[in-house]
N, C-alpha and C. Protein backbone atom coordinates (compact mmCIF):
# COMPACT_ATOMS: atom_id res chain seq x y z
N MET A 1 0.85 -1.18 0.00
CA MET A 1 0.00 0.00 0.00
C MET A 1 0.89 1.24 0.00
N ILE A 2 0.62 2.15 -0.92
CA ILE A 2 1.35 3.41 -1.00
C ILE A 2 0.69 4.38 -0.02
N LEU A 3 1.45 4.91 0.91
CA LEU A 3 0.92 5.84 1.91
C LEU A 3 1.41 7.25 1.60
N ILE A 4 0.45 8.15 1.33
CA ILE A 4 0.77 9.50 0.86
C ILE A 4 0.23 10.53 1.84
N SER A 5 1.13 11.30 2.39
CA SER A 5 0.78 12.41 3.27
C SER A 5 0.20 13.54 2.42
N HIS A 6 -0.94 14.06 2.82
CA HIS A 6 -1.59 15.15 2.11
C HIS A 6 -0.98 16.49 2.54
N ARG A 7 -0.15 17.07 1.65
CA ARG A 7 0.52 18.35 1.88
C ARG A 7 1.51 18.33 3.05
N GLY A 8 1.91 17.14 3.48
CA GLY A 8 2.83 17.01 4.60
C GLY A 8 2.16 16.60 5.90
N ASN A 9 0.84 16.65 5.94
CA ASN A 9 0.10 16.26 7.15
C ASN A 9 0.18 14.75 7.35
N ILE A 10 0.37 14.34 8.58
CA ILE A 10 0.35 12.91 8.87
C ILE A 10 -0.65 12.54 9.96
N ASN A 11 -0.97 13.50 10.82
CA ASN A 11 -1.90 13.22 11.92
C ASN A 11 -2.82 14.42 12.13
N GLY A 12 -3.47 14.86 11.06
CA GLY A 12 -4.38 16.00 11.12
C GLY A 12 -3.80 17.21 10.42
N ARG A 13 -4.69 18.11 10.04
CA ARG A 13 -4.28 19.30 9.29
C ARG A 13 -3.53 20.30 10.15
N GLN A 14 -2.46 20.79 9.59
CA GLN A 14 -1.67 21.88 10.16
C GLN A 14 -1.53 22.91 9.04
N GLU A 15 -2.58 23.69 8.81
CA GLU A 15 -2.65 24.56 7.64
C GLU A 15 -1.46 25.51 7.51
N ASP A 16 -0.92 25.98 8.63
CA ASP A 16 0.20 26.92 8.57
C ASP A 16 1.51 26.25 8.15
N LEU A 17 1.55 24.91 8.18
CA LEU A 17 2.75 24.18 7.80
C LEU A 17 2.64 23.49 6.44
N GLU A 18 1.42 23.30 5.95
CA GLU A 18 1.21 22.56 4.71
C GLU A 18 2.01 23.13 3.55
N ASN A 19 2.57 22.23 2.74
CA ASN A 19 3.33 22.60 1.55
C ASN A 19 4.59 23.40 1.84
N THR A 20 5.14 23.28 3.04
CA THR A 20 6.42 23.92 3.34
C THR A 20 7.52 22.86 3.28
N TYR A 21 8.71 23.27 2.93
CA TYR A 21 9.82 22.33 2.79
C TYR A 21 10.01 21.47 4.04
N ASP A 22 10.12 22.09 5.19
CA ASP A 22 10.39 21.33 6.42
C ASP A 22 9.30 20.30 6.69
N TYR A 23 8.06 20.68 6.46
CA TYR A 23 6.92 19.78 6.72
C TYR A 23 6.92 18.61 5.73
N ILE A 24 7.21 18.91 4.48
CA ILE A 24 7.30 17.87 3.44
C ILE A 24 8.43 16.90 3.78
N PHE A 25 9.61 17.43 4.10
CA PHE A 25 10.75 16.58 4.44
C PHE A 25 10.48 15.74 5.69
N ALA A 26 9.78 16.31 6.67
CA ALA A 26 9.46 15.55 7.89
C ALA A 26 8.60 14.34 7.56
N ALA A 27 7.62 14.50 6.67
CA ALA A 27 6.77 13.37 6.28
C ALA A 27 7.57 12.33 5.49
N ILE A 28 8.43 12.79 4.59
CA ILE A 28 9.28 11.87 3.83
C ILE A 28 10.22 11.11 4.77
N ASP A 29 10.79 11.81 5.74
CA ASP A 29 11.70 11.17 6.71
C ASP A 29 10.99 10.09 7.52
N LYS A 30 9.67 10.21 7.67
CA LYS A 30 8.90 9.19 8.40
C LYS A 30 8.48 8.04 7.48
N GLY A 31 8.89 8.10 6.21
CA GLY A 31 8.64 7.01 5.28
C GLY A 31 7.46 7.19 4.36
N TYR A 32 6.83 8.36 4.38
CA TYR A 32 5.65 8.58 3.54
C TYR A 32 6.01 9.27 2.24
N ASN A 33 5.18 9.04 1.23
CA ASN A 33 5.18 9.87 0.04
C ASN A 33 4.39 11.13 0.43
N VAL A 34 4.47 12.18 -0.38
CA VAL A 34 3.76 13.42 -0.05
C VAL A 34 3.11 14.00 -1.30
N GLU A 35 1.83 14.35 -1.17
CA GLU A 35 1.12 15.10 -2.20
C GLU A 35 1.38 16.58 -1.92
N ILE A 36 1.85 17.29 -2.94
CA ILE A 36 2.12 18.72 -2.80
C ILE A 36 1.37 19.49 -3.88
N ASP A 37 1.16 20.76 -3.62
CA ASP A 37 0.48 21.64 -4.56
C ASP A 37 1.48 22.59 -5.18
N ILE A 38 1.51 22.62 -6.51
CA ILE A 38 2.47 23.44 -7.25
C ILE A 38 1.75 24.46 -8.14
N TRP A 39 2.23 25.67 -8.07
CA TRP A 39 1.81 26.76 -8.95
C TRP A 39 3.02 27.21 -9.76
N VAL A 40 2.79 27.67 -10.97
CA VAL A 40 3.84 28.33 -11.73
C VAL A 40 3.30 29.69 -12.16
N LYS A 41 4.04 30.72 -11.80
CA LYS A 41 3.70 32.10 -12.15
C LYS A 41 4.95 32.77 -12.70
N ASN A 42 4.85 33.32 -13.90
CA ASN A 42 5.99 34.01 -14.53
C ASN A 42 7.23 33.12 -14.55
N ASN A 43 7.04 31.85 -14.89
CA ASN A 43 8.12 30.86 -14.99
C ASN A 43 8.82 30.57 -13.66
N LYS A 44 8.18 30.89 -12.55
CA LYS A 44 8.71 30.56 -11.23
C LYS A 44 7.76 29.59 -10.56
N ILE A 45 8.34 28.62 -9.83
CA ILE A 45 7.58 27.56 -9.17
C ILE A 45 7.31 27.95 -7.72
N PHE A 46 6.09 27.65 -7.28
CA PHE A 46 5.70 27.93 -5.90
C PHE A 46 4.93 26.74 -5.34
N LEU A 47 5.07 26.52 -4.04
CA LEU A 47 4.23 25.60 -3.29
C LEU A 47 3.10 26.42 -2.67
N GLY A 48 1.94 25.79 -2.49
CA GLY A 48 0.82 26.45 -1.83
C GLY A 48 -0.49 25.85 -2.28
N HIS A 49 -1.45 25.78 -1.39
CA HIS A 49 -2.72 25.16 -1.74
C HIS A 49 -3.64 26.12 -2.50
N ASP A 50 -4.04 27.20 -1.88
CA ASP A 50 -4.99 28.12 -2.50
C ASP A 50 -4.32 29.20 -3.33
N ASN A 51 -3.05 29.44 -3.06
CA ASN A 51 -2.29 30.47 -3.75
C ASN A 51 -0.82 30.06 -3.80
N PRO A 52 -0.07 30.64 -4.75
CA PRO A 52 1.38 30.40 -4.75
C PRO A 52 2.02 31.13 -3.57
N GLU A 53 2.53 30.37 -2.60
CA GLU A 53 3.03 30.97 -1.36
C GLU A 53 4.53 30.84 -1.14
N TYR A 54 5.08 29.64 -1.39
CA TYR A 54 6.47 29.37 -1.02
C TYR A 54 7.28 29.07 -2.27
N PRO A 55 8.34 29.84 -2.54
CA PRO A 55 9.18 29.55 -3.70
C PRO A 55 9.69 28.11 -3.65
N CYS A 56 9.76 27.51 -4.82
CA CYS A 56 10.18 26.10 -4.93
C CYS A 56 11.13 26.01 -6.12
N SER A 57 11.96 24.98 -6.12
CA SER A 57 12.91 24.80 -7.22
C SER A 57 12.64 23.49 -7.95
N ILE A 58 13.02 23.46 -9.20
CA ILE A 58 12.92 22.22 -9.98
C ILE A 58 13.87 21.18 -9.40
N GLU A 59 14.97 21.62 -8.81
CA GLU A 59 15.91 20.68 -8.19
C GLU A 59 15.24 19.93 -7.04
N PHE A 60 14.46 20.63 -6.23
CA PHE A 60 13.73 19.97 -5.14
C PHE A 60 12.77 18.94 -5.71
N LEU A 61 12.01 19.30 -6.73
CA LEU A 61 11.05 18.36 -7.32
C LEU A 61 11.76 17.15 -7.90
N GLY A 62 12.88 17.37 -8.58
CA GLY A 62 13.62 16.26 -9.17
C GLY A 62 14.27 15.37 -8.14
N TYR A 63 14.86 15.98 -7.12
CA TYR A 63 15.54 15.24 -6.06
C TYR A 63 14.59 14.32 -5.31
N GLN A 64 13.37 14.80 -5.09
CA GLN A 64 12.37 14.03 -4.35
C GLN A 64 11.35 13.35 -5.26
N SER A 65 11.64 13.23 -6.54
CA SER A 65 10.64 12.79 -7.52
C SER A 65 10.00 11.45 -7.22
N THR A 66 10.69 10.54 -6.56
CA THR A 66 10.09 9.23 -6.27
C THR A 66 9.13 9.29 -5.08
N LYS A 67 9.13 10.37 -4.35
CA LYS A 67 8.28 10.50 -3.16
C LYS A 67 7.15 11.51 -3.32
N LEU A 68 7.18 12.31 -4.39
CA LEU A 68 6.20 13.39 -4.53
C LEU A 68 5.08 13.06 -5.51
N TRP A 69 3.89 13.44 -5.14
CA TRP A 69 2.69 13.38 -5.98
C TRP A 69 2.29 14.85 -6.16
N ILE A 70 2.54 15.39 -7.33
CA ILE A 70 2.46 16.82 -7.54
C ILE A 70 1.11 17.21 -8.16
N HIS A 71 0.36 18.00 -7.41
CA HIS A 71 -0.93 18.51 -7.88
C HIS A 71 -0.69 19.86 -8.54
N ALA A 72 -0.83 19.92 -9.86
CA ALA A 72 -0.70 21.17 -10.60
C ALA A 72 -1.93 22.02 -10.31
N LYS A 73 -1.72 23.23 -9.81
CA LYS A 73 -2.83 24.06 -9.39
C LYS A 73 -3.27 25.10 -10.42
N ASN A 74 -2.46 25.31 -11.46
CA ASN A 74 -2.87 26.22 -12.53
C ASN A 74 -2.34 25.69 -13.86
N ILE A 75 -2.84 26.26 -14.94
CA ILE A 75 -2.46 25.79 -16.27
C ILE A 75 -0.97 25.98 -16.53
N GLU A 76 -0.39 27.05 -16.05
CA GLU A 76 1.06 27.25 -16.21
C GLU A 76 1.83 26.10 -15.56
N ALA A 77 1.34 25.59 -14.44
CA ALA A 77 2.00 24.45 -13.78
C ALA A 77 1.89 23.20 -14.64
N VAL A 78 0.73 22.98 -15.26
CA VAL A 78 0.57 21.83 -16.16
C VAL A 78 1.55 21.93 -17.32
N GLU A 79 1.62 23.10 -17.94
CA GLU A 79 2.53 23.29 -19.07
C GLU A 79 3.98 23.07 -18.65
N PHE A 80 4.35 23.58 -17.51
CA PHE A 80 5.70 23.44 -16.99
C PHE A 80 6.02 21.97 -16.68
N LEU A 81 5.15 21.32 -15.90
CA LEU A 81 5.40 19.95 -15.46
C LEU A 81 5.41 18.95 -16.61
N SER A 82 4.70 19.25 -17.68
CA SER A 82 4.66 18.33 -18.82
C SER A 82 6.02 18.16 -19.48
N ASN A 83 6.97 19.02 -19.15
CA ASN A 83 8.33 18.92 -19.69
C ASN A 83 9.24 18.01 -18.88
N TYR A 84 8.76 17.51 -17.76
CA TYR A 84 9.59 16.72 -16.85
C TYR A 84 9.01 15.33 -16.67
N LYS A 85 9.45 14.41 -17.48
CA LYS A 85 8.89 13.06 -17.52
C LYS A 85 9.15 12.26 -16.25
N GLN A 86 10.17 12.62 -15.47
CA GLN A 86 10.46 11.85 -14.25
C GLN A 86 9.51 12.20 -13.11
N LEU A 87 8.76 13.31 -13.24
CA LEU A 87 7.88 13.74 -12.16
C LEU A 87 6.50 13.08 -12.28
N ASN A 88 5.91 12.78 -11.14
CA ASN A 88 4.57 12.22 -11.08
C ASN A 88 3.62 13.35 -10.68
N TRP A 89 2.85 13.83 -11.64
CA TRP A 89 1.99 14.98 -11.40
C TRP A 89 0.60 14.74 -11.98
N PHE A 90 -0.33 15.57 -11.55
CA PHE A 90 -1.70 15.46 -12.04
C PHE A 90 -2.40 16.81 -11.91
N TRP A 91 -3.51 16.93 -12.60
CA TRP A 91 -4.41 18.07 -12.50
C TRP A 91 -5.79 17.51 -12.21
N HIS A 92 -6.51 18.11 -11.30
CA HIS A 92 -7.93 17.78 -11.14
C HIS A 92 -8.64 18.88 -10.40
N GLN A 93 -9.94 18.90 -10.55
CA GLN A 93 -10.79 19.81 -9.81
C GLN A 93 -11.67 18.95 -8.91
N GLU A 94 -12.86 18.59 -9.41
CA GLU A 94 -13.74 17.70 -8.65
C GLU A 94 -14.11 16.49 -9.50
N ASP A 95 -13.21 16.13 -10.41
CA ASP A 95 -13.44 14.97 -11.27
C ASP A 95 -13.48 13.71 -10.42
N THR A 96 -14.25 12.74 -10.84
CA THR A 96 -14.29 11.47 -10.12
C THR A 96 -12.90 10.88 -10.02
N ILE A 97 -12.20 10.85 -11.15
CA ILE A 97 -10.81 10.38 -11.17
C ILE A 97 -10.00 11.24 -12.14
N THR A 98 -8.71 11.18 -11.95
CA THR A 98 -7.77 11.70 -12.93
C THR A 98 -6.62 10.71 -12.98
N LEU A 99 -5.87 10.73 -14.04
CA LEU A 99 -4.68 9.89 -14.14
C LEU A 99 -3.46 10.75 -13.91
N THR A 100 -2.52 10.24 -13.12
CA THR A 100 -1.28 10.97 -12.94
C THR A 100 -0.41 10.74 -14.17
N SER A 101 0.64 11.52 -14.29
CA SER A 101 1.55 11.38 -15.43
C SER A 101 2.25 10.03 -15.45
N LYS A 102 2.25 9.33 -14.32
CA LYS A 102 2.83 7.99 -14.24
C LYS A 102 1.78 6.90 -14.36
N GLY A 103 0.52 7.28 -14.67
CA GLY A 103 -0.53 6.31 -14.94
C GLY A 103 -1.31 5.83 -13.73
N TYR A 104 -1.15 6.46 -12.58
CA TYR A 104 -1.92 6.09 -11.39
C TYR A 104 -3.31 6.71 -11.45
N ILE A 105 -4.30 6.00 -10.94
CA ILE A 105 -5.66 6.52 -10.85
C ILE A 105 -5.80 7.27 -9.54
N TRP A 106 -6.02 8.57 -9.62
CA TRP A 106 -6.17 9.44 -8.44
C TRP A 106 -7.67 9.70 -8.30
N ALA A 107 -8.27 9.21 -7.22
CA ALA A 107 -9.72 9.27 -7.06
C ALA A 107 -10.15 10.35 -6.08
N TYR A 108 -11.14 11.11 -6.47
CA TYR A 108 -11.67 12.18 -5.63
C TYR A 108 -12.31 11.58 -4.37
N PRO A 109 -12.27 12.30 -3.24
CA PRO A 109 -12.89 11.78 -2.02
C PRO A 109 -14.36 11.41 -2.22
N GLY A 110 -14.74 10.29 -1.63
CA GLY A 110 -16.12 9.83 -1.69
C GLY A 110 -16.47 9.01 -2.92
N LYS A 111 -15.49 8.66 -3.73
CA LYS A 111 -15.75 7.95 -4.99
C LYS A 111 -15.32 6.49 -4.96
N GLN A 112 -14.89 5.97 -3.84
CA GLN A 112 -14.44 4.59 -3.74
C GLN A 112 -15.63 3.64 -3.61
N PRO A 113 -15.48 2.36 -3.99
CA PRO A 113 -14.22 1.71 -4.37
C PRO A 113 -13.93 1.81 -5.88
N ILE A 114 -12.69 2.07 -6.19
CA ILE A 114 -12.19 2.05 -7.56
C ILE A 114 -10.91 1.21 -7.54
N GLU A 115 -10.93 0.12 -8.26
CA GLU A 115 -9.81 -0.82 -8.24
C GLU A 115 -8.51 -0.16 -8.68
N LYS A 116 -7.45 -0.45 -7.95
CA LYS A 116 -6.08 0.00 -8.23
C LYS A 116 -5.93 1.52 -8.21
N SER A 117 -6.72 2.19 -7.41
CA SER A 117 -6.65 3.65 -7.36
C SER A 117 -5.95 4.12 -6.10
N ILE A 118 -5.69 5.41 -6.08
CA ILE A 118 -5.25 6.09 -4.87
C ILE A 118 -6.50 6.70 -4.26
N ALA A 119 -6.85 6.29 -3.06
CA ALA A 119 -8.02 6.83 -2.36
C ALA A 119 -7.60 8.11 -1.65
N VAL A 120 -8.25 9.20 -1.99
CA VAL A 120 -7.92 10.49 -1.38
C VAL A 120 -8.91 10.76 -0.25
N MET A 121 -8.37 10.98 0.94
CA MET A 121 -9.14 11.29 2.13
C MET A 121 -10.30 10.32 2.36
N PRO A 122 -10.02 9.01 2.37
CA PRO A 122 -11.12 8.04 2.51
C PRO A 122 -11.89 8.18 3.82
N GLU A 123 -11.27 8.78 4.82
CA GLU A 123 -11.94 8.94 6.11
C GLU A 123 -13.11 9.91 6.05
N LEU A 124 -13.13 10.80 5.07
CA LEU A 124 -14.21 11.79 4.98
C LEU A 124 -15.56 11.15 4.68
N PHE A 125 -15.56 10.07 3.90
CA PHE A 125 -16.80 9.42 3.50
C PHE A 125 -16.84 7.95 3.88
N ASN A 126 -15.92 7.56 4.76
CA ASN A 126 -15.81 6.17 5.16
C ASN A 126 -15.68 5.25 3.94
N ASP A 127 -14.86 5.70 2.98
CA ASP A 127 -14.65 4.95 1.74
C ASP A 127 -13.97 3.61 2.00
N SER A 128 -14.36 2.62 1.25
CA SER A 128 -13.67 1.33 1.28
C SER A 128 -12.32 1.50 0.59
N ILE A 129 -11.28 0.99 1.21
CA ILE A 129 -9.94 1.06 0.62
C ILE A 129 -9.43 -0.33 0.24
N ASP A 130 -10.31 -1.31 0.26
CA ASP A 130 -9.92 -2.70 0.01
C ASP A 130 -9.28 -2.93 -1.36
N SER A 131 -9.74 -2.22 -2.38
CA SER A 131 -9.21 -2.47 -3.72
C SER A 131 -8.20 -1.40 -4.16
N CYS A 132 -7.84 -0.49 -3.25
CA CYS A 132 -6.90 0.59 -3.58
C CYS A 132 -5.45 0.11 -3.51
N ILE A 133 -4.60 0.82 -4.23
CA ILE A 133 -3.16 0.55 -4.12
C ILE A 133 -2.47 1.60 -3.26
N GLY A 134 -3.23 2.66 -2.91
CA GLY A 134 -2.66 3.71 -2.09
C GLY A 134 -3.71 4.58 -1.46
N ILE A 135 -3.26 5.36 -0.47
CA ILE A 135 -4.13 6.28 0.26
C ILE A 135 -3.40 7.60 0.41
N CYS A 136 -4.13 8.70 0.20
CA CYS A 136 -3.61 10.04 0.48
C CYS A 136 -4.52 10.65 1.54
N SER A 137 -3.92 11.06 2.65
CA SER A 137 -4.73 11.53 3.77
C SER A 137 -3.96 12.53 4.64
N ASP A 138 -4.72 13.39 5.32
CA ASP A 138 -4.16 14.24 6.36
C ASP A 138 -3.84 13.42 7.60
N TYR A 139 -4.40 12.22 7.66
CA TYR A 139 -4.22 11.31 8.81
C TYR A 139 -3.53 10.02 8.36
N ILE A 140 -2.54 10.14 7.49
CA ILE A 140 -1.92 8.96 6.90
C ILE A 140 -1.27 8.05 7.94
N GLU A 141 -0.89 8.62 9.06
CA GLU A 141 -0.30 7.83 10.14
C GLU A 141 -1.28 6.74 10.62
N ASN A 142 -2.57 6.97 10.50
CA ASN A 142 -3.58 5.99 10.93
C ASN A 142 -3.66 4.78 10.01
N TYR A 143 -3.09 4.88 8.80
CA TYR A 143 -3.17 3.79 7.84
C TYR A 143 -1.92 2.95 7.77
N GLY A 144 -0.87 3.36 8.48
CA GLY A 144 0.42 2.65 8.41
C GLY A 144 0.49 1.39 9.20
């Protein structure tokens, strides 16, 4: 089972820490993959959920590429990320599913069961995770 920390959270939301380098590295150091939010504005990369907040580098994304699930938050981010085949990224709004650039099925909360998918926040709707290959959650520590 692939265990993915949502924005660095492992045991509940810490909004002031989400998508920050230290928080992301702390989750990776505990053995989790991490879903992060990426914006690109004027050819510069930023981390942040609702807005581009924290400057980010392509070196960071490349160095951690096996651990990151990158949510492109704007069209510029999609255009930028499409140039980097080693990165695992996706775009979605409220779609039932989307496919990541590495071919994983990323499922919106409340849409399970979907075979071989990544269940996002299954605790919100008491989703079945029996047929999933991974989970992304703010409470990922509960699934380990």
